[in-house]
Amino acid sequence: MIKTDKHTKQKFYDFYLEEHQNMACRRLHFAGSSFGLLGLAKSIKTRSPKPLLKGIAAGYGCAWIGHFFFEKNKPASFKSPLKSFVSDFRMYTDVLRGRLSLKDRKFDKI
């Protein structure tokens, strides 16, 4: 069987979700992604890169705290930064759509 790009992306996302089982880590990721998006919006509004840079720093800071202190693993972004960035926003949208829970994994629909 030939691995397709879609198959490879799904396989990485499955791995990514395994690395985000702890609810505190997921919540910190969600908050961090929100900070990043707010920074992007403010950068567009003000035409300044500073809010975006602050949003990115806050986003990665939240995520790394989640991994080091709660999940007790290394962030996937250390090995696969682009795939991790894409997967983080996929996880973010899955939370918004109700497919992933920030309360308890038993409520996950994935």
PDB file of N, CA and C in Angstrom:
ATOM      1  N   MET A   1       0.826  -1.177   0.000  1.00  0.00           N
ATOM      2  CA  MET A   1       0.000   0.000   0.000  1.00  0.00           C
ATOM      3  C   MET A   1       0.879   1.252   0.000  1.00  0.00           C
ATOM      4  N   ILE A   2       0.565   2.177  -0.871  1.00  0.00           N
ATOM      5  CA  ILE A   2       1.325   3.408  -0.980  1.00  0.00           C
ATOM      6  C   ILE A   2       0.765   4.425   0.004  1.00  0.00           C
ATOM      7  N   LYS A   3       1.659   5.022   0.773  1.00  0.00           N
ATOM      8  CA  LYS A   3       1.235   6.033   1.727  1.00  0.00           C
ATOM      9  C   LYS A   3       0.931   7.329   0.976  1.00  0.00           C
ATOM     10  N   THR A   4      -0.226   7.855   1.208  1.00  0.00           N
ATOM     11  CA  THR A   4      -0.583   9.122   0.593  1.00  0.00           C
ATOM     12  C   THR A   4      -0.235  10.259   1.533  1.00  0.00           C
ATOM     13  N   ASP A   5      -0.212  11.456   0.994  1.00  0.00           N
ATOM     14  CA  ASP A   5       0.059  12.625   1.823  1.00  0.00           C
ATOM     15  C   ASP A   5      -0.995  12.741   2.932  1.00  0.00           C
ATOM     16  N   LYS A   6      -2.250  12.442   2.581  1.00  0.00           N
ATOM     17  CA  LYS A   6      -3.328  12.495   3.573  1.00  0.00           C
ATOM     18  C   LYS A   6      -3.099  11.464   4.681  1.00  0.00           C
ATOM     19  N   HIS A   7      -2.662  10.278   4.288  1.00  0.00           N
ATOM     20  CA  HIS A   7      -2.372   9.219   5.265  1.00  0.00           C
ATOM     21  C   HIS A   7      -1.237   9.655   6.190  1.00  0.00           C
ATOM     22  N   THR A   8      -0.200  10.257   5.633  1.00  0.00           N
ATOM     23  CA  THR A   8       0.941  10.703   6.427  1.00  0.00           C
ATOM     24  C   THR A   8       0.520  11.793   7.404  1.00  0.00           C
ATOM     25  N   LYS A   9      -0.305  12.740   6.936  1.00  0.00           N
ATOM     26  CA  LYS A   9      -0.787  13.810   7.817  1.00  0.00           C
ATOM     27  C   LYS A   9      -1.629  13.240   8.947  1.00  0.00           C
ATOM     28  N   GLN A  10      -2.495  12.279   8.626  1.00  0.00           N
ATOM     29  CA  GLN A  10      -3.348  11.680   9.657  1.00  0.00           C
ATOM     30  C   GLN A  10      -2.512  10.906  10.670  1.00  0.00           C
ATOM     31  N   LYS A  11      -1.511  10.208  10.188  1.00  0.00           N
ATOM     32  CA  LYS A  11      -0.644   9.448  11.085  1.00  0.00           C
ATOM     33  C   LYS A  11       0.077  10.392  12.056  1.00  0.00           C
ATOM     34  N   PHE A  12       0.567  11.524  11.543  1.00  0.00           N
ATOM     35  CA  PHE A  12       1.224  12.479  12.425  1.00  0.00           C
ATOM     36  C   PHE A  12       0.221  13.074  13.400  1.00  0.00           C
ATOM     37  N   TYR A  13      -0.977  13.393  12.937  1.00  0.00           N
ATOM     38  CA  TYR A  13      -1.994  13.973  13.831  1.00  0.00           C
ATOM     39  C   TYR A  13      -2.379  12.991  14.928  1.00  0.00           C
ATOM     40  N   ASP A  14      -2.481  11.713  14.590  1.00  0.00           N
ATOM     41  CA  ASP A  14      -2.758  10.694  15.611  1.00  0.00           C
ATOM     42  C   ASP A  14      -1.650  10.692  16.671  1.00  0.00           C
ATOM     43  N   PHE A  15      -0.398  10.757  16.206  1.00  0.00           N
ATOM     44  CA  PHE A  15       0.739  10.845  17.127  1.00  0.00           C
ATOM     45  C   PHE A  15       0.632  12.117  17.962  1.00  0.00           C
ATOM     46  N   TYR A  16       0.294  13.222  17.323  1.00  0.00           N
ATOM     47  CA  TYR A  16       0.178  14.514  17.998  1.00  0.00           C
ATOM     48  C   TYR A  16      -0.857  14.457  19.115  1.00  0.00           C
ATOM     49  N   LEU A  17      -1.991  13.854  18.833  1.00  0.00           N
ATOM     50  CA  LEU A  17      -3.037  13.732  19.857  1.00  0.00           C
ATOM     51  C   LEU A  17      -2.585  12.850  21.019  1.00  0.00           C
ATOM     52  N   GLU A  18      -1.814  11.816  20.724  1.00  0.00           N
ATOM     53  CA  GLU A  18      -1.281  10.962  21.794  1.00  0.00           C
ATOM     54  C   GLU A  18      -0.383  11.766  22.731  1.00  0.00           C
ATOM     55  N   GLU A  19       0.278  12.772  22.192  1.00  0.00           N
ATOM     56  CA  GLU A  19       1.176  13.609  22.976  1.00  0.00           C
ATOM     57  C   GLU A  19       0.426  14.706  23.743  1.00  0.00           C
ATOM     58  N   HIS A  20      -0.909  14.734  23.592  1.00  0.00           N
ATOM     59  CA  HIS A  20      -1.735  15.760  24.238  1.00  0.00           C
ATOM     60  C   HIS A  20      -2.918  15.121  24.963  1.00  0.00           C
ATOM     61  N   GLN A  21      -2.631  14.214  25.854  1.00  0.00           N
ATOM     62  CA  GLN A  21      -3.669  13.516  26.609  1.00  0.00           C
ATOM     63  C   GLN A  21      -4.059  14.260  27.881  1.00  0.00           C
ATOM     64  N   ASN A  22      -3.130  14.991  28.450  1.00  0.00           N
ATOM     65  CA  ASN A  22      -3.366  15.709  29.698  1.00  0.00           C
ATOM     66  C   ASN A  22      -4.225  16.941  29.421  1.00  0.00           C
ATOM     67  N   MET A  23      -5.285  17.103  30.190  1.00  0.00           N
ATOM     68  CA  MET A  23      -6.227  18.203  29.942  1.00  0.00           C
ATOM     69  C   MET A  23      -5.606  19.577  30.193  1.00  0.00           C
ATOM     70  N   ALA A  24      -4.725  19.691  31.174  1.00  0.00           N
ATOM     71  CA  ALA A  24      -4.058  20.978  31.416  1.00  0.00           C
ATOM     72  C   ALA A  24      -3.201  21.351  30.208  1.00  0.00           C
ATOM     73  N   CYS A  25      -2.531  20.384  29.641  1.00  0.00           N
ATOM     74  CA  CYS A  25      -1.717  20.632  28.451  1.00  0.00           C
ATOM     75  C   CYS A  25      -2.604  21.070  27.286  1.00  0.00           C
ATOM     76  N   ARG A  26      -3.707  20.384  27.077  1.00  0.00           N
ATOM     77  CA  ARG A  26      -4.631  20.767  25.997  1.00  0.00           C
ATOM     78  C   ARG A  26      -5.171  22.172  26.205  1.00  0.00           C
ATOM     79  N   ARG A  27      -5.527  22.479  27.429  1.00  0.00           N
ATOM     80  CA  ARG A  27      -6.064  23.820  27.717  1.00  0.00           C
ATOM     81  C   ARG A  27      -5.015  24.894  27.455  1.00  0.00           C
ATOM     82  N   LEU A  28      -3.782  24.618  27.863  1.00  0.00           N
ATOM     83  CA  LEU A  28      -2.712  25.575  27.617  1.00  0.00           C
ATOM     84  C   LEU A  28      -2.462  25.737  26.118  1.00  0.00           C
ATOM     85  N   HIS A  29      -2.543  24.651  25.371  1.00  0.00           N
ATOM     86  CA  HIS A  29      -2.408  24.744  23.911  1.00  0.00           C
ATOM     87  C   HIS A  29      -3.523  25.600  23.318  1.00  0.00           C
ATOM     88  N   PHE A  30      -4.733  25.373  23.784  1.00  0.00           N
ATOM     89  CA  PHE A  30      -5.870  26.135  23.268  1.00  0.00           C
ATOM     90  C   PHE A  30      -5.696  27.623  23.581  1.00  0.00           C
ATOM     91  N   ALA A  31      -5.294  27.929  24.801  1.00  0.00           N
ATOM     92  CA  ALA A  31      -5.058  29.326  25.182  1.00  0.00           C
ATOM     93  C   ALA A  31      -3.928  29.917  24.344  1.00  0.00           C
ATOM     94  N   GLY A  32      -2.849  29.171  24.192  1.00  0.00           N
ATOM     95  CA  GLY A  32      -1.715  29.657  23.412  1.00  0.00           C
ATOM     96  C   GLY A  32      -2.069  29.921  21.963  1.00  0.00           C
ATOM     97  N   SER A  33      -2.830  29.023  21.362  1.00  0.00           N
ATOM     98  CA  SER A  33      -3.264  29.232  19.981  1.00  0.00           C
ATOM     99  C   SER A  33      -4.171  30.453  19.886  1.00  0.00           C
ATOM    100  N   SER A  34      -4.999  30.649  20.888  1.00  0.00           N
ATOM    101  CA  SER A  34      -5.862  31.833  20.917  1.00  0.00           C
ATOM    102  C   SER A  34      -5.026  33.107  21.000  1.00  0.00           C
ATOM    103  N   PHE A  35      -3.985  33.091  21.839  1.00  0.00           N
ATOM    104  CA  PHE A  35      -3.084  34.249  21.932  1.00  0.00           C
ATOM    105  C   PHE A  35      -2.422  34.525  20.578  1.00  0.00           C
ATOM    106  N   GLY A  36      -2.004  33.456  19.912  1.00  0.00           N
ATOM    107  CA  GLY A  36      -1.382  33.612  18.599  1.00  0.00           C
ATOM    108  C   GLY A  36      -2.333  34.231  17.588  1.00  0.00           C
ATOM    109  N   LEU A  37      -3.577  33.763  17.574  1.00  0.00           N
ATOM    110  CA  LEU A  37      -4.566  34.310  16.647  1.00  0.00           C
ATOM    111  C   LEU A  37      -4.914  35.758  16.984  1.00  0.00           C
ATOM    112  N   LEU A  38      -5.014  36.066  18.268  1.00  0.00           N
ATOM    113  CA  LEU A  38      -5.264  37.449  18.675  1.00  0.00           C
ATOM    114  C   LEU A  38      -4.103  38.357  18.266  1.00  0.00           C
ATOM    115  N   GLY A  39      -2.890  37.855  18.417  1.00  0.00           N
ATOM    116  CA  GLY A  39      -1.715  38.619  17.993  1.00  0.00           C
ATOM    117  C   GLY A  39      -1.715  38.863  16.499  1.00  0.00           C
ATOM    118  N   LEU A  40      -2.117  37.845  15.731  1.00  0.00           N
ATOM    119  CA  LEU A  40      -2.209  38.000  14.277  1.00  0.00           C
ATOM    120  C   LEU A  40      -3.242  39.066  13.916  1.00  0.00           C
ATOM    121  N   ALA A  41      -4.402  38.995  14.540  1.00  0.00           N
ATOM    122  CA  ALA A  41      -5.461  39.969  14.260  1.00  0.00           C
ATOM    123  C   ALA A  41      -5.011  41.394  14.608  1.00  0.00           C
ATOM    124  N   LYS A  42      -4.361  41.539  15.755  1.00  0.00           N
ATOM    125  CA  LYS A  42      -3.910  42.870  16.164  1.00  0.00           C
ATOM    126  C   LYS A  42      -2.800  43.373  15.242  1.00  0.00           C
ATOM    127  N   SER A  43      -1.944  42.478  14.786  1.00  0.00           N
ATOM    128  CA  SER A  43      -0.888  42.874  13.851  1.00  0.00           C
ATOM    129  C   SER A  43      -1.468  43.385  12.538  1.00  0.00           C
ATOM    130  N   ILE A  44      -2.498  42.711  12.077  1.00  0.00           N
ATOM    131  CA  ILE A  44      -3.156  43.154  10.845  1.00  0.00           C
ATOM    132  C   ILE A  44      -3.807  44.514  11.070  1.00  0.00           C
ATOM    133  N   LYS A  45      -4.482  44.656  12.199  1.00  0.00           N
ATOM    134  CA  LYS A  45      -5.188  45.910  12.503  1.00  0.00           C
ATOM    135  C   LYS A  45      -4.220  47.084  12.654  1.00  0.00           C
ATOM    136  N   THR A  46      -3.122  46.852  13.365  1.00  0.00           N
ATOM    137  CA  THR A  46      -2.175  47.938  13.642  1.00  0.00           C
ATOM    138  C   THR A  46      -1.059  48.038  12.602  1.00  0.00           C
ATOM    139  N   ARG A  47      -0.993  47.046  11.731  1.00  0.00           N
ATOM    140  CA  ARG A  47       0.079  46.979  10.713  1.00  0.00           C
ATOM    141  C   ARG A  47       1.464  46.987  11.362  1.00  0.00           C
ATOM    142  N   SER A  48       1.545  46.244  12.437  1.00  0.00           N
ATOM    143  CA  SER A  48       2.797  46.125  13.185  1.00  0.00           C
ATOM    144  C   SER A  48       3.064  44.646  13.457  1.00  0.00           C
ATOM    145  N   PRO A  49       4.304  44.209  13.341  1.00  0.00           N
ATOM    146  CA  PRO A  49       4.605  42.803  13.615  1.00  0.00           C
ATOM    147  C   PRO A  49       4.693  42.461  15.105  1.00  0.00           C
ATOM    148  N   LYS A  50       4.795  43.481  15.953  1.00  0.00           N
ATOM    149  CA  LYS A  50       5.001  43.223  17.387  1.00  0.00           C
ATOM    150  C   LYS A  50       3.908  42.371  18.022  1.00  0.00           C
ATOM    151  N   PRO A  51       2.616  42.671  17.800  1.00  0.00           N
ATOM    152  CA  PRO A  51       1.597  41.818  18.429  1.00  0.00           C
ATOM    153  C   PRO A  51       1.665  40.362  17.958  1.00  0.00           C
ATOM    154  N   LEU A  52       2.004  40.158  16.706  1.00  0.00           N
ATOM    155  CA  LEU A  52       2.132  38.789  16.201  1.00  0.00           C
ATOM    156  C   LEU A  52       3.278  38.072  16.899  1.00  0.00           C
ATOM    157  N   LEU A  53       4.402  38.746  17.021  1.00  0.00           N
ATOM    158  CA  LEU A  53       5.550  38.132  17.695  1.00  0.00           C
ATOM    159  C   LEU A  53       5.236  37.818  19.158  1.00  0.00           C
ATOM    160  N   LYS A  54       4.525  38.728  19.815  1.00  0.00           N
ATOM    161  CA  LYS A  54       4.118  38.472  21.198  1.00  0.00           C
ATOM    162  C   LYS A  54       3.135  37.306  21.276  1.00  0.00           C
ATOM    163  N   GLY A  55       2.212  37.235  20.325  1.00  0.00           N
ATOM    164  CA  GLY A  55       1.252  36.133  20.285  1.00  0.00           C
ATOM    165  C   GLY A  55       1.928  34.793  20.067  1.00  0.00           C
ATOM    166  N   ILE A  56       2.903  34.773  19.168  1.00  0.00           N
ATOM    167  CA  ILE A  56       3.649  33.538  18.910  1.00  0.00           C
ATOM    168  C   ILE A  56       4.422  33.122  20.163  1.00  0.00           C
ATOM    169  N   ALA A  57       5.086  34.075  20.797  1.00  0.00           N
ATOM    170  CA  ALA A  57       5.854  33.774  22.019  1.00  0.00           C
ATOM    171  C   ALA A  57       4.930  33.247  23.116  1.00  0.00           C
ATOM    172  N   ALA A  58       3.779  33.899  23.287  1.00  0.00           N
ATOM    173  CA  ALA A  58       2.826  33.448  24.313  1.00  0.00           C
ATOM    174  C   ALA A  58       2.282  32.066  23.967  1.00  0.00           C
ATOM    175  N   GLY A  59       2.021  31.841  22.689  1.00  0.00           N
ATOM    176  CA  GLY A  59       1.492  30.547  22.257  1.00  0.00           C
ATOM    177  C   GLY A  59       2.457  29.412  22.524  1.00  0.00           C
ATOM    178  N   TYR A  60       3.699  29.597  22.104  1.00  0.00           N
ATOM    179  CA  TYR A  60       4.686  28.537  22.347  1.00  0.00           C
ATOM    180  C   TYR A  60       5.001  28.405  23.833  1.00  0.00           C
ATOM    181  N   GLY A  61       5.007  29.520  24.555  1.00  0.00           N
ATOM    182  CA  GLY A  61       5.238  29.453  26.001  1.00  0.00           C
ATOM    183  C   GLY A  61       4.186  28.605  26.696  1.00  0.00           C
ATOM    184  N   CYS A  62       2.922  28.850  26.366  1.00  0.00           N
ATOM    185  CA  CYS A  62       1.829  28.051  26.951  1.00  0.00           C
ATOM    186  C   CYS A  62       1.990  26.574  26.604  1.00  0.00           C
ATOM    187  N   ALA A  63       2.257  26.303  25.340  1.00  0.00           N
ATOM    188  CA  ALA A  63       2.375  24.908  24.896  1.00  0.00           C
ATOM    189  C   ALA A  63       3.528  24.197  25.600  1.00  0.00           C
ATOM    190  N   TRP A  64       4.668  24.854  25.672  1.00  0.00           N
ATOM    191  CA  TRP A  64       5.829  24.218  26.283  1.00  0.00           C
ATOM    192  C   TRP A  64       5.643  24.014  27.781  1.00  0.00           C
ATOM    193  N   ILE A  65       4.999  24.948  28.459  1.00  0.00           N
ATOM    194  CA  ILE A  65       4.682  24.746  29.879  1.00  0.00           C
ATOM    195  C   ILE A  65       3.776  23.522  30.023  1.00  0.00           C
ATOM    196  N   GLY A  66       2.797  23.400  29.136  1.00  0.00           N
ATOM    197  CA  GLY A  66       1.900  22.240  29.159  1.00  0.00           C
ATOM    198  C   GLY A  66       2.639  20.930  29.014  1.00  0.00           C
ATOM    199  N   HIS A  67       3.614  20.914  28.133  1.00  0.00           N
ATOM    200  CA  HIS A  67       4.367  19.672  27.913  1.00  0.00           C
ATOM    201  C   HIS A  67       5.337  19.382  29.054  1.00  0.00           C
ATOM    202  N   PHE A  68       6.103  20.366  29.451  1.00  0.00           N
ATOM    203  CA  PHE A  68       7.142  20.125  30.456  1.00  0.00           C
ATOM    204  C   PHE A  68       6.587  19.864  31.851  1.00  0.00           C
ATOM    205  N   PHE A  69       5.501  20.550  32.210  1.00  0.00           N
ATOM    206  CA  PHE A  69       5.006  20.443  33.582  1.00  0.00           C
ATOM    207  C   PHE A  69       3.804  19.515  33.745  1.00  0.00           C
ATOM    208  N   PHE A  70       3.017  19.342  32.711  1.00  0.00           N
ATOM    209  CA  PHE A  70       1.802  18.535  32.845  1.00  0.00           C
ATOM    210  C   PHE A  70       1.866  17.234  32.043  1.00  0.00           C
ATOM    211  N   GLU A  71       2.208  17.334  30.788  1.00  0.00           N
ATOM    212  CA  GLU A  71       2.242  16.144  29.932  1.00  0.00           C
ATOM    213  C   GLU A  71       3.501  15.321  30.178  1.00  0.00           C
ATOM    214  N   LYS A  72       4.544  15.975  30.633  1.00  0.00           N
ATOM    215  CA  LYS A  72       5.843  15.331  30.936  1.00  0.00           C
ATOM    216  C   LYS A  72       6.465  14.697  29.686  1.00  0.00           C
ATOM    217  N   ASN A  73       6.388  15.424  28.569  1.00  0.00           N
ATOM    218  CA  ASN A  73       7.040  14.973  27.338  1.00  0.00           C
ATOM    219  C   ASN A  73       7.604  16.179  26.604  1.00  0.00           C
ATOM    220  N   LYS A  74       8.362  15.918  25.555  1.00  0.00           N
ATOM    221  CA  LYS A  74       8.931  17.000  24.755  1.00  0.00           C
ATOM    222  C   LYS A  74       7.928  17.408  23.687  1.00  0.00           C
ATOM    223  N   PRO A  75       7.805  18.710  23.449  1.00  0.00           N
ATOM    224  CA  PRO A  75       6.902  19.153  22.391  1.00  0.00           C
ATOM    225  C   PRO A  75       7.307  18.573  21.036  1.00  0.00           C
ATOM    226  N   ALA A  76       6.318  18.179  20.265  1.00  0.00           N
ATOM    227  CA  ALA A  76       6.583  17.632  18.924  1.00  0.00           C
ATOM    228  C   ALA A  76       7.220  18.674  18.025  1.00  0.00           C
ATOM    229  N   SER A  77       7.044  19.943  18.362  1.00  0.00           N
ATOM    230  CA  SER A  77       7.614  21.021  17.541  1.00  0.00           C
ATOM    231  C   SER A  77       9.137  20.993  17.538  1.00  0.00           C
ATOM    232  N   PHE A  78       9.749  20.318  18.505  1.00  0.00           N
ATOM    233  CA  PHE A  78      11.204  20.222  18.525  1.00  0.00           C
ATOM    234  C   PHE A  78      11.716  19.378  17.365  1.00  0.00           C
ATOM    235  N   LYS A  79      10.951  18.369  16.961  1.00  0.00           N
ATOM    236  CA  LYS A  79      11.378  17.481  15.868  1.00  0.00           C
ATOM    237  C   LYS A  79      10.707  17.825  14.545  1.00  0.00           C
ATOM    238  N   SER A  80       9.452  18.220  14.586  1.00  0.00           N
ATOM    239  CA  SER A  80       8.693  18.499  13.367  1.00  0.00           C
ATOM    240  C   SER A  80       7.920  19.808  13.528  1.00  0.00           C
ATOM    241  N   PRO A  81       8.612  20.955  13.415  1.00  0.00           N
ATOM    242  CA  PRO A  81       7.946  22.223  13.700  1.00  0.00           C
ATOM    243  C   PRO A  81       6.751  22.542  12.798  1.00  0.00           C
ATOM    244  N   LEU A  82       6.871  22.318  11.513  1.00  0.00           N
ATOM    245  CA  LEU A  82       5.769  22.663  10.612  1.00  0.00           C
ATOM    246  C   LEU A  82       4.570  21.735  10.799  1.00  0.00           C
ATOM    247  N   LYS A  83       4.831  20.433  10.866  1.00  0.00           N
ATOM    248  CA  LYS A  83       3.743  19.477  11.086  1.00  0.00           C
ATOM    249  C   LYS A  83       3.049  19.737  12.422  1.00  0.00           C
ATOM    250  N   SER A  84       3.826  20.094  13.433  1.00  0.00           N
ATOM    251  CA  SER A  84       3.259  20.371  14.747  1.00  0.00           C
ATOM    252  C   SER A  84       2.408  21.631  14.734  1.00  0.00           C
ATOM    253  N   PHE A  85       2.869  22.650  14.021  1.00  0.00           N
ATOM    254  CA  PHE A  85       2.116  23.892  13.922  1.00  0.00           C
ATOM    255  C   PHE A  85       0.761  23.633  13.260  1.00  0.00           C
ATOM    256  N   VAL A  86       0.777  22.881  12.163  1.00  0.00           N
ATOM    257  CA  VAL A  86      -0.468  22.544  11.460  1.00  0.00           C
ATOM    258  C   VAL A  86      -1.366  21.689  12.356  1.00  0.00           C
ATOM    259  N   SER A  87      -0.792  20.713  13.024  1.00  0.00           N
ATOM    260  CA  SER A  87      -1.569  19.825  13.895  1.00  0.00           C
ATOM    261  C   SER A  87      -2.152  20.578  15.080  1.00  0.00           C
ATOM    262  N   ASP A  88      -1.421  21.572  15.589  1.00  0.00           N
ATOM    263  CA  ASP A  88      -1.939  22.351  16.707  1.00  0.00           C
ATOM    264  C   ASP A  88      -3.217  23.082  16.302  1.00  0.00           C
ATOM    265  N   PHE A  89      -3.230  23.655  15.106  1.00  0.00           N
ATOM    266  CA  PHE A  89      -4.440  24.351  14.681  1.00  0.00           C
ATOM    267  C   PHE A  89      -5.546  23.382  14.281  1.00  0.00           C
ATOM    268  N   ARG A  90      -5.154  22.188  13.869  1.00  0.00           N
ATOM    269  CA  ARG A  90      -6.180  21.163  13.638  1.00  0.00           C
ATOM    270  C   ARG A  90      -6.815  20.771  14.968  1.00  0.00           C
ATOM    271  N   MET A  91      -5.988  20.596  15.997  1.00  0.00           N
ATOM    272  CA  MET A  91      -6.507  20.276  17.324  1.00  0.00           C
ATOM    273  C   MET A  91      -7.385  21.422  17.829  1.00  0.00           C
ATOM    274  N   TYR A  92      -6.961  22.652  17.598  1.00  0.00           N
ATOM    275  CA  TYR A  92      -7.722  23.837  18.001  1.00  0.00           C
ATOM    276  C   TYR A  92      -9.117  23.821  17.368  1.00  0.00           C
ATOM    277  N   THR A  93      -9.177  23.554  16.064  1.00  0.00           N
ATOM    278  CA  THR A  93     -10.485  23.524  15.394  1.00  0.00           C
ATOM    279  C   THR A  93     -11.302  22.319  15.841  1.00  0.00           C
ATOM    280  N   ASP A  94     -10.642  21.203  16.146  1.00  0.00           N
ATOM    281  CA  ASP A  94     -11.380  20.039  16.662  1.00  0.00           C
ATOM    282  C   ASP A  94     -12.001  20.342  18.024  1.00  0.00           C
ATOM    283  N   VAL A  95     -11.330  21.134  18.839  1.00  0.00           N
ATOM    284  CA  VAL A  95     -11.916  21.553  20.120  1.00  0.00           C
ATOM    285  C   VAL A  95     -13.115  22.457  19.855  1.00  0.00           C
ATOM    286  N   LEU A  96     -12.952  23.427  18.956  1.00  0.00           N
ATOM    287  CA  LEU A  96     -14.057  24.343  18.648  1.00  0.00           C
ATOM    288  C   LEU A  96     -15.271  23.609  18.079  1.00  0.00           C
ATOM    289  N   ARG A  97     -15.031  22.552  17.326  1.00  0.00           N
ATOM    290  CA  ARG A  97     -16.116  21.772  16.725  1.00  0.00           C
ATOM    291  C   ARG A  97     -16.712  20.742  17.683  1.00  0.00           C
ATOM    292  N   GLY A  98     -16.148  20.623  18.867  1.00  0.00           N
ATOM    293  CA  GLY A  98     -16.657  19.668  19.843  1.00  0.00           C
ATOM    294  C   GLY A  98     -16.165  18.245  19.628  1.00  0.00           C
ATOM    295  N   ARG A  99     -15.160  18.067  18.802  1.00  0.00           N
ATOM    296  CA  ARG A  99     -14.613  16.727  18.544  1.00  0.00           C
ATOM    297  C   ARG A  99     -13.586  16.314  19.595  1.00  0.00           C
ATOM    298  N   LEU A 100     -12.942  17.308  20.216  1.00  0.00           N
ATOM    299  CA  LEU A 100     -11.994  17.064  21.308  1.00  0.00           C
ATOM    300  C   LEU A 100     -12.437  17.859  22.522  1.00  0.00           C
ATOM    301  N   SER A 101     -12.279  17.274  23.675  1.00  0.00           N
ATOM    302  CA  SER A 101     -12.716  17.900  24.911  1.00  0.00           C
ATOM    303  C   SER A 101     -11.554  18.565  25.637  1.00  0.00           C
ATOM    304  N   LEU A 102     -11.869  19.637  26.341  1.00  0.00           N
ATOM    305  CA  LEU A 102     -10.919  20.254  27.258  1.00  0.00           C
ATOM    306  C   LEU A 102     -11.270  19.915  28.704  1.00  0.00           C
ATOM    307  N   LYS A 103     -12.289  19.055  28.886  1.00  0.00           N
ATOM    308  CA  LYS A 103     -12.708  18.628  30.225  1.00  0.00           C
ATOM    309  C   LYS A 103     -12.188  17.241  30.569  1.00  0.00           C
ATOM    310  N   ASP A 104     -12.433  16.292  29.673  1.00  0.00           N
ATOM    311  CA  ASP A 104     -12.061  14.897  29.939  1.00  0.00           C
ATOM    312  C   ASP A 104     -11.969  14.163  28.600  1.00  0.00           C
ATOM    313  N   ARG A 105     -10.955  13.324  28.481  1.00  0.00           N
ATOM    314  CA  ARG A 105     -10.763  12.565  27.230  1.00  0.00           C
ATOM    315  C   ARG A 105     -11.934  11.678  26.909  1.00  0.00           C
ATOM    316  N   LYS A 106     -12.727  11.270  27.901  1.00  0.00           N
ATOM    317  CA  LYS A 106     -13.858  10.397  27.635  1.00  0.00           C
ATOM    318  C   LYS A 106     -14.889  11.081  26.742  1.00  0.00           C
ATOM    319  N   PHE A 107     -14.815  12.407  26.625  1.00  0.00           N
ATOM    320  CA  PHE A 107     -15.738  13.143  25.770  1.00  0.00           C
ATOM    321  C   PHE A 107     -15.198  13.351  24.352  1.00  0.00           C
ATOM    322  N   ASP A 108     -13.972  12.908  24.088  1.00  0.00           N
ATOM    323  CA  ASP A 108     -13.396  13.021  22.743  1.00  0.00           C
ATOM    324  C   ASP A 108     -14.209  12.190  21.759  1.00  0.00           C
ATOM    325  N   LYS A 109     -14.373  12.695  20.570  1.00  0.00           N
ATOM    326  CA  LYS A 109     -15.115  11.981  19.525  1.00  0.00           C
ATOM    327  C   LYS A 109     -14.192  11.568  18.386  1.00  0.00           C
ATOM    328  N   ILE A 110     -12.917  11.632  18.620  1.00  0.00           N
ATOM    329  CA  ILE A 110     -11.938  11.242  17.601  1.00  0.00           C
ATOM    330  C   ILE A 110     -11.293   9.936  18.023  1.00  0.00           C
TER     331      ILE A 110
END
